[in-house]
Amino acid sequence: MNTSSFIFTWVKIILSLTLAFTTSFLWAQENESTKIPKRKYAKYSFPEGYILSLDGDTTFGYIRQKDVFEDQKKIEFYDYYGAKTTYNAGYIKGYGYGEKHLICRPTPYFYSDLMSDTIIFMVRLIDGPAKLYRFYSRRNAFTLKNEAAFFDFLEKPDKSLFEVSYAFRWKRLASAFKDHPKLSREILEGAYKPEDTESIVKYYNSWFERMEEQE
């Protein structure tokens, strides 16, 4: 091969490589410009939590708290991309953050009127065969420290519902546990205090599950 042919061959190789590189670069630039830019996760001072759809799907994000009374009517939810959605009770199954979980339930009939919501988010204190829920009522003259008053509701495994009134006649809770005579008797005899209610329900659930296993 003479010198001119050698030089001509290398020029062709260099031109081919240059063309290939330029085409690849231009394609990459065009492809990059058409990509949907990734959005950074939004961060808020609200606690991280979740919402539970009516179908049972869980979506994580941030829960903006207001007060216990308003939070049982509706909730502001922010997803990780910054989108805000307000959910009224009944449009989702429930929500939660930290150790707090709220589930949609009918407003207790003795606290319902024409102006009240038929469905509310009620705090679930205890889950299990027997469930303990908390309902907040409006502020009134009998509420200490100007805070929302609350009442707890026990739902037994057979779905029967019992009000747990801590201010008046707390011991009538004993009638809810008539299927466990020893526990019912101990409540009436003063072996437990109102602040022991959650422990009582947990104890009952353990007993109930043992009875179920023996059948």
C-alpha atoms as a PDB file:
ATOM      1  CA  MET A   1       0.000   0.000   0.000  1.00  0.00           C
ATOM      2  CA  ASN A   2       1.483   3.373  -0.994  1.00  0.00           C
ATOM      3  CA  THR A   3       1.569   6.373   1.310  1.00  0.00           C
ATOM      4  CA  SER A   4      -1.413   8.189  -0.248  1.00  0.00           C
ATOM      5  CA  SER A   5      -3.641   5.083   0.029  1.00  0.00           C
ATOM      6  CA  PHE A   6      -2.643   4.616   3.653  1.00  0.00           C
ATOM      7  CA  ILE A   7      -3.478   8.236   4.518  1.00  0.00           C
ATOM      8  CA  PHE A   8      -6.774   8.048   2.604  1.00  0.00           C
ATOM      9  CA  THR A   9      -7.797   4.904   4.552  1.00  0.00           C
ATOM     10  CA  TRP A  10      -7.127   6.516   7.940  1.00  0.00           C
ATOM     11  CA  VAL A  11      -9.004   9.669   6.937  1.00  0.00           C
ATOM     12  CA  LYS A  12     -12.058   7.499   6.112  1.00  0.00           C
ATOM     13  CA  ILE A  13     -11.806   5.748   9.485  1.00  0.00           C
ATOM     14  CA  ILE A  14     -11.538   9.050  11.383  1.00  0.00           C
ATOM     15  CA  LEU A  15     -14.468  10.554   9.481  1.00  0.00           C
ATOM     16  CA  SER A  16     -16.598   7.463  10.158  1.00  0.00           C
ATOM     17  CA  LEU A  17     -15.834   7.540  13.892  1.00  0.00           C
ATOM     18  CA  THR A  18     -16.533  11.291  14.069  1.00  0.00           C
ATOM     19  CA  LEU A  19     -19.872  10.860  12.305  1.00  0.00           C
ATOM     20  CA  ALA A  20     -20.874   7.994  14.569  1.00  0.00           C
ATOM     21  CA  PHE A  21     -19.963   9.933  17.713  1.00  0.00           C
ATOM     22  CA  THR A  22     -21.841  13.053  16.545  1.00  0.00           C
ATOM     23  CA  THR A  23     -24.977  11.065  15.701  1.00  0.00           C
ATOM     24  CA  SER A  24     -24.890   9.277  19.046  1.00  0.00           C
ATOM     25  CA  PHE A  25     -24.428  12.559  20.920  1.00  0.00           C
ATOM     26  CA  LEU A  26     -27.288  14.301  19.106  1.00  0.00           C
ATOM     27  CA  TRP A  27     -29.594  11.319  19.722  1.00  0.00           C
ATOM     28  CA  ALA A  28     -28.749  11.306  23.408  1.00  0.00           C
ATOM     29  CA  GLN A  29     -29.427  15.025  23.678  1.00  0.00           C
ATOM     30  CA  GLU A  30     -32.801  14.691  21.941  1.00  0.00           C
ATOM     31  CA  ASN A  31     -33.774  11.680  24.052  1.00  0.00           C
ATOM     32  CA  GLU A  32     -32.810  13.472  27.272  1.00  0.00           C
ATOM     33  CA  SER A  33     -34.920  16.510  26.357  1.00  0.00           C
ATOM     34  CA  THR A  34     -38.045  14.374  25.972  1.00  0.00           C
ATOM     35  CA  LYS A  35     -37.740  12.678  29.375  1.00  0.00           C
ATOM     36  CA  ILE A  36     -40.216  13.630  32.104  1.00  0.00           C
ATOM     37  CA  PRO A  37     -38.057  15.266  34.791  1.00  0.00           C
ATOM     38  CA  LYS A  38     -38.039  13.472  38.098  1.00  0.00           C
ATOM     39  CA  ARG A  39     -39.763  15.518  40.792  1.00  0.00           C
ATOM     40  CA  LYS A  40     -38.093  15.715  44.153  1.00  0.00           C
ATOM     41  CA  TYR A  41     -40.060  14.349  47.070  1.00  0.00           C
ATOM     42  CA  ALA A  42     -41.820  17.101  48.957  1.00  0.00           C
ATOM     43  CA  LYS A  43     -41.071  17.387  52.642  1.00  0.00           C
ATOM     44  CA  TYR A  44     -43.358  18.846  55.258  1.00  0.00           C
ATOM     45  CA  SER A  45     -43.369  19.399  58.978  1.00  0.00           C
ATOM     46  CA  PHE A  46     -46.527  17.246  59.139  1.00  0.00           C
ATOM     47  CA  PRO A  47     -46.126  13.665  60.335  1.00  0.00           C
ATOM     48  CA  GLU A  48     -45.693  10.935  57.747  1.00  0.00           C
ATOM     49  CA  GLY A  49     -48.677   8.655  57.503  1.00  0.00           C
ATOM     50  CA  TYR A  50     -51.013   6.874  55.136  1.00  0.00           C
ATOM     51  CA  ILE A  51     -54.535   6.788  53.772  1.00  0.00           C
ATOM     52  CA  LEU A  52     -56.508   3.605  53.216  1.00  0.00           C
ATOM     53  CA  SER A  53     -58.773   3.526  50.156  1.00  0.00           C
ATOM     54  CA  LEU A  54     -62.224   1.958  50.153  1.00  0.00           C
ATOM     55  CA  ASP A  55     -60.656  -0.972  48.265  1.00  0.00           C
ATOM     56  CA  GLY A  56     -58.032  -1.434  50.974  1.00  0.00           C
ATOM     57  CA  ASP A  57     -55.073   0.078  49.075  1.00  0.00           C
ATOM     58  CA  THR A  58     -52.547   2.042  51.142  1.00  0.00           C
ATOM     59  CA  THR A  59     -50.978   5.308  49.949  1.00  0.00           C
ATOM     60  CA  PHE A  60     -48.195   6.893  51.977  1.00  0.00           C
ATOM     61  CA  GLY A  61     -47.557  10.600  52.392  1.00  0.00           C
ATOM     62  CA  TYR A  62     -48.092  13.294  55.007  1.00  0.00           C
ATOM     63  CA  ILE A  63     -51.081  13.965  57.248  1.00  0.00           C
ATOM     64  CA  ARG A  64     -51.846  17.549  58.241  1.00  0.00           C
ATOM     65  CA  GLN A  65     -53.384  17.626  61.680  1.00  0.00           C
ATOM     66  CA  LYS A  66     -55.808  20.276  62.911  1.00  0.00           C
ATOM     67  CA  ASP A  67     -57.630  19.275  66.083  1.00  0.00           C
ATOM     68  CA  VAL A  68     -59.104  16.008  67.264  1.00  0.00           C
ATOM     69  CA  PHE A  69     -62.661  17.076  66.472  1.00  0.00           C
ATOM     70  CA  GLU A  70     -61.945  18.290  62.934  1.00  0.00           C
ATOM     71  CA  ASP A  71     -59.656  15.330  62.191  1.00  0.00           C
ATOM     72  CA  GLN A  72     -62.540  12.921  62.678  1.00  0.00           C
ATOM     73  CA  LYS A  73     -64.576  14.752  59.987  1.00  0.00           C
ATOM     74  CA  LYS A  74     -61.974  15.289  57.252  1.00  0.00           C
ATOM     75  CA  ILE A  75     -58.235  15.130  56.704  1.00  0.00           C
ATOM     76  CA  GLU A  76     -55.689  16.893  54.512  1.00  0.00           C
ATOM     77  CA  PHE A  77     -53.324  14.466  52.814  1.00  0.00           C
ATOM     78  CA  TYR A  78     -50.135  15.432  50.939  1.00  0.00           C
ATOM     79  CA  ASP A  79     -48.444  12.853  48.741  1.00  0.00           C
ATOM     80  CA  TYR A  80     -44.680  12.652  48.259  1.00  0.00           C
ATOM     81  CA  TYR A  81     -44.899  14.849  45.123  1.00  0.00           C
ATOM     82  CA  GLY A  82     -46.586  17.715  46.917  1.00  0.00           C
ATOM     83  CA  ALA A  83     -50.168  17.141  45.765  1.00  0.00           C
ATOM     84  CA  LYS A  84     -52.765  17.984  48.406  1.00  0.00           C
ATOM     85  CA  THR A  85     -56.127  16.213  48.692  1.00  0.00           C
ATOM     86  CA  THR A  86     -58.833  16.715  51.308  1.00  0.00           C
ATOM     87  CA  TYR A  87     -60.747  13.570  52.193  1.00  0.00           C
ATOM     88  CA  ASN A  88     -64.030  13.576  54.049  1.00  0.00           C
ATOM     89  CA  ALA A  89     -64.947  10.557  56.134  1.00  0.00           C
ATOM     90  CA  GLY A  90     -66.585   7.996  53.890  1.00  0.00           C
ATOM     91  CA  TYR A  91     -64.492   8.796  50.808  1.00  0.00           C
ATOM     92  CA  ILE A  92     -61.623   6.734  52.171  1.00  0.00           C
ATOM     93  CA  LYS A  93     -61.652   3.848  54.625  1.00  0.00           C
ATOM     94  CA  GLY A  94     -59.266   5.443  57.102  1.00  0.00           C
ATOM     95  CA  TYR A  95     -55.890   6.990  57.734  1.00  0.00           C
ATOM     96  CA  GLY A  96     -53.094   6.964  60.271  1.00  0.00           C
ATOM     97  CA  TYR A  97     -49.782   8.408  61.384  1.00  0.00           C
ATOM     98  CA  GLY A  98     -47.341   7.349  64.061  1.00  0.00           C
ATOM     99  CA  GLU A  99     -49.185   5.101  66.491  1.00  0.00           C
ATOM    100  CA  LYS A 100     -52.559   6.634  65.655  1.00  0.00           C
ATOM    101  CA  HIS A 101     -55.056   4.881  63.377  1.00  0.00           C
ATOM    102  CA  LEU A 102     -58.508   6.160  62.430  1.00  0.00           C
ATOM    103  CA  ILE A 103     -61.223   4.102  60.751  1.00  0.00           C
ATOM    104  CA  CYS A 104     -64.508   5.232  59.204  1.00  0.00           C
ATOM    105  CA  ARG A 105     -67.501   4.382  61.362  1.00  0.00           C
ATOM    106  CA  PRO A 106     -71.090   5.588  61.700  1.00  0.00           C
ATOM    107  CA  THR A 107     -71.524   8.456  64.114  1.00  0.00           C
ATOM    108  CA  PRO A 108     -72.859   7.007  67.402  1.00  0.00           C
ATOM    109  CA  TYR A 109     -76.626   7.343  67.214  1.00  0.00           C
ATOM    110  CA  PHE A 110     -76.904   9.037  70.613  1.00  0.00           C
ATOM    111  CA  TYR A 111     -74.580  11.818  69.335  1.00  0.00           C
ATOM    112  CA  SER A 112     -76.201  12.217  65.898  1.00  0.00           C
ATOM    113  CA  ASP A 113     -78.564  14.954  64.860  1.00  0.00           C
ATOM    114  CA  LEU A 114     -79.632  16.679  61.662  1.00  0.00           C
ATOM    115  CA  MET A 115     -76.434  18.753  61.615  1.00  0.00           C
ATOM    116  CA  SER A 116     -73.959  15.958  62.323  1.00  0.00           C
ATOM    117  CA  ASP A 117     -72.020  13.825  59.867  1.00  0.00           C
ATOM    118  CA  THR A 118     -73.327  10.303  59.390  1.00  0.00           C
ATOM    119  CA  ILE A 119     -69.822   8.869  58.962  1.00  0.00           C
ATOM    120  CA  ILE A 120     -66.733   9.940  60.893  1.00  0.00           C
ATOM    121  CA  PHE A 121     -63.112   8.909  61.324  1.00  0.00           C
ATOM    122  CA  MET A 122     -62.967   7.279  64.744  1.00  0.00           C
ATOM    123  CA  VAL A 123     -59.679   6.618  66.533  1.00  0.00           C
ATOM    124  CA  ARG A 124     -59.064   2.880  66.899  1.00  0.00           C
ATOM    125  CA  LEU A 125     -57.375   2.392  70.252  1.00  0.00           C
ATOM    126  CA  ILE A 126     -57.396  -1.413  70.344  1.00  0.00           C
ATOM    127  CA  ASP A 127     -57.774  -3.861  67.466  1.00  0.00           C
ATOM    128  CA  GLY A 128     -58.683  -7.513  67.833  1.00  0.00           C
ATOM    129  CA  PRO A 129     -61.787  -9.636  68.452  1.00  0.00           C
ATOM    130  CA  ALA A 130     -63.028  -6.768  70.618  1.00  0.00           C
ATOM    131  CA  LYS A 131     -62.211  -3.285  69.363  1.00  0.00           C
ATOM    132  CA  LEU A 132     -62.022  -0.037  71.274  1.00  0.00           C
ATOM    133  CA  TYR A 133     -62.755   3.255  69.492  1.00  0.00           C
ATOM    134  CA  ARG A 134     -62.711   6.871  70.603  1.00  0.00           C
ATOM    135  CA  PHE A 135     -65.202   9.533  69.575  1.00  0.00           C
ATOM    136  CA  TYR A 136     -64.658  13.262  70.262  1.00  0.00           C
ATOM    137  CA  SER A 137     -67.596  15.514  70.985  1.00  0.00           C
ATOM    138  CA  ARG A 138     -67.786  19.274  70.667  1.00  0.00           C
ATOM    139  CA  ARG A 139     -66.419  21.500  73.406  1.00  0.00           C
ATOM    140  CA  ASN A 140     -68.937  22.277  76.100  1.00  0.00           C
ATOM    141  CA  ALA A 141     -69.224  23.709  79.580  1.00  0.00           C
ATOM    142  CA  PHE A 142     -68.418  20.335  81.151  1.00  0.00           C
ATOM    143  CA  THR A 143     -65.178  19.861  79.212  1.00  0.00           C
ATOM    144  CA  LEU A 144     -62.056  20.393  81.272  1.00  0.00           C
ATOM    145  CA  LYS A 145     -59.311  22.739  80.007  1.00  0.00           C
ATOM    146  CA  ASN A 146     -61.469  23.736  77.026  1.00  0.00           C
ATOM    147  CA  GLU A 147     -60.528  20.544  75.214  1.00  0.00           C
ATOM    148  CA  ALA A 148     -62.771  18.263  73.184  1.00  0.00           C
ATOM    149  CA  ALA A 149     -64.528  15.709  75.371  1.00  0.00           C
ATOM    150  CA  PHE A 150     -64.262  12.072  74.343  1.00  0.00           C
ATOM    151  CA  PHE A 151     -66.157   8.844  74.773  1.00  0.00           C
ATOM    152  CA  ASP A 152     -64.901   5.359  74.050  1.00  0.00           C
ATOM    153  CA  PHE A 153     -66.911   2.630  72.377  1.00  0.00           C
ATOM    154  CA  LEU A 154     -66.338  -1.063  72.735  1.00  0.00           C
ATOM    155  CA  GLU A 155     -67.297  -3.302  69.828  1.00  0.00           C
ATOM    156  CA  LYS A 156     -67.569  -6.925  70.860  1.00  0.00           C
ATOM    157  CA  PRO A 157     -66.772  -9.854  68.522  1.00  0.00           C
ATOM    158  CA  ASP A 158     -70.515 -10.207  67.822  1.00  0.00           C
ATOM    159  CA  LYS A 159     -70.548  -6.513  66.666  1.00  0.00           C
ATOM    160  CA  SER A 160     -72.566  -5.341  69.668  1.00  0.00           C
ATOM    161  CA  LEU A 161     -71.573  -1.814  70.737  1.00  0.00           C
ATOM    162  CA  PHE A 162     -71.145  -0.459  74.268  1.00  0.00           C
ATOM    163  CA  GLU A 163     -70.432   3.102  75.329  1.00  0.00           C
ATOM    164  CA  VAL A 164     -67.622   3.557  77.840  1.00  0.00           C
ATOM    165  CA  SER A 165     -68.503   6.736  79.717  1.00  0.00           C
ATOM    166  CA  TYR A 166     -65.641   7.700  82.030  1.00  0.00           C
ATOM    167  CA  ALA A 167     -67.430  10.581  83.682  1.00  0.00           C
ATOM    168  CA  PHE A 168     -70.662   8.790  84.582  1.00  0.00           C
ATOM    169  CA  ARG A 169     -71.282   5.201  85.654  1.00  0.00           C
ATOM    170  CA  TRP A 170     -68.064   3.766  84.219  1.00  0.00           C
ATOM    171  CA  LYS A 171     -68.738   0.401  85.845  1.00  0.00           C
ATOM    172  CA  ARG A 172     -71.644  -0.324  83.516  1.00  0.00           C
ATOM    173  CA  LEU A 173     -68.877  -1.477  81.166  1.00  0.00           C
ATOM    174  CA  ALA A 174     -69.006  -4.683  83.204  1.00  0.00           C
ATOM    175  CA  SER A 175     -72.192  -5.651  81.353  1.00  0.00           C
ATOM    176  CA  ALA A 176     -70.222  -5.743  78.099  1.00  0.00           C
ATOM    177  CA  PHE A 177     -68.100  -8.588  79.461  1.00  0.00           C
ATOM    178  CA  LYS A 178     -70.866 -10.830  80.760  1.00  0.00           C
ATOM    179  CA  ASP A 179     -69.401 -13.646  78.656  1.00  0.00           C
ATOM    180  CA  HIS A 180     -66.358 -13.406  80.955  1.00  0.00           C
ATOM    181  CA  PRO A 181     -68.021 -13.479  84.428  1.00  0.00           C
ATOM    182  CA  LYS A 182     -64.767 -13.144  86.379  1.00  0.00           C
ATOM    183  CA  LEU A 183     -63.729  -9.995  84.492  1.00  0.00           C
ATOM    184  CA  SER A 184     -67.223  -8.522  84.754  1.00  0.00           C
ATOM    185  CA  ARG A 185     -67.293  -9.124  88.508  1.00  0.00           C
ATOM    186  CA  GLU A 186     -63.838  -7.613  89.027  1.00  0.00           C
ATOM    187  CA  ILE A 187     -64.859  -4.422  87.218  1.00  0.00           C
ATOM    188  CA  LEU A 188     -67.942  -4.082  89.422  1.00  0.00           C
ATOM    189  CA  GLU A 189     -65.878  -4.714  92.562  1.00  0.00           C
ATOM    190  CA  GLY A 190     -63.447  -1.929  91.716  1.00  0.00           C
ATOM    191  CA  ALA A 191     -60.438  -4.043  90.780  1.00  0.00           C
ATOM    192  CA  TYR A 192     -59.948  -1.798  87.724  1.00  0.00           C
ATOM    193  CA  LYS A 193     -60.000   1.943  87.150  1.00  0.00           C
ATOM    194  CA  PRO A 194     -61.253   3.833  84.064  1.00  0.00           C
ATOM    195  CA  GLU A 195     -57.691   4.353  82.867  1.00  0.00           C
ATOM    196  CA  ASP A 196     -57.325   0.560  82.733  1.00  0.00           C
ATOM    197  CA  THR A 197     -59.882   0.223  79.923  1.00  0.00           C
ATOM    198  CA  GLU A 198     -57.355  -0.456  77.163  1.00  0.00           C
ATOM    199  CA  SER A 199     -55.640  -3.099  79.308  1.00  0.00           C
ATOM    200  CA  ILE A 200     -59.016  -4.673  80.055  1.00  0.00           C
ATOM    201  CA  VAL A 201     -59.836  -4.991  76.345  1.00  0.00           C
ATOM    202  CA  LYS A 202     -56.415  -6.476  75.579  1.00  0.00           C
ATOM    203  CA  TYR A 203     -56.875  -8.978  78.418  1.00  0.00           C
ATOM    204  CA  TYR A 204     -60.332  -9.886  77.146  1.00  0.00           C
ATOM    205  CA  ASN A 205     -59.013 -10.380  73.596  1.00  0.00           C
ATOM    206  CA  SER A 206     -56.325 -12.775  74.817  1.00  0.00           C
ATOM    207  CA  TRP A 207     -58.929 -14.737  76.747  1.00  0.00           C
ATOM    208  CA  PHE A 208     -61.340 -14.775  73.802  1.00  0.00           C
ATOM    209  CA  GLU A 209     -58.683 -16.056  71.386  1.00  0.00           C
ATOM    210  CA  ARG A 210     -57.752 -18.856  73.813  1.00  0.00           C
ATOM    211  CA  MET A 211     -61.417 -19.873  74.044  1.00  0.00           C
ATOM    212  CA  GLU A 212     -61.667 -19.889  70.252  1.00  0.00           C
ATOM    213  CA  GLU A 213     -58.643 -22.178  69.970  1.00  0.00           C
ATOM    214  CA  GLN A 214     -60.132 -24.652  72.441  1.00  0.00           C
ATOM    215  CA  GLU A 215     -63.370 -25.039  70.482  1.00  0.00           C
END
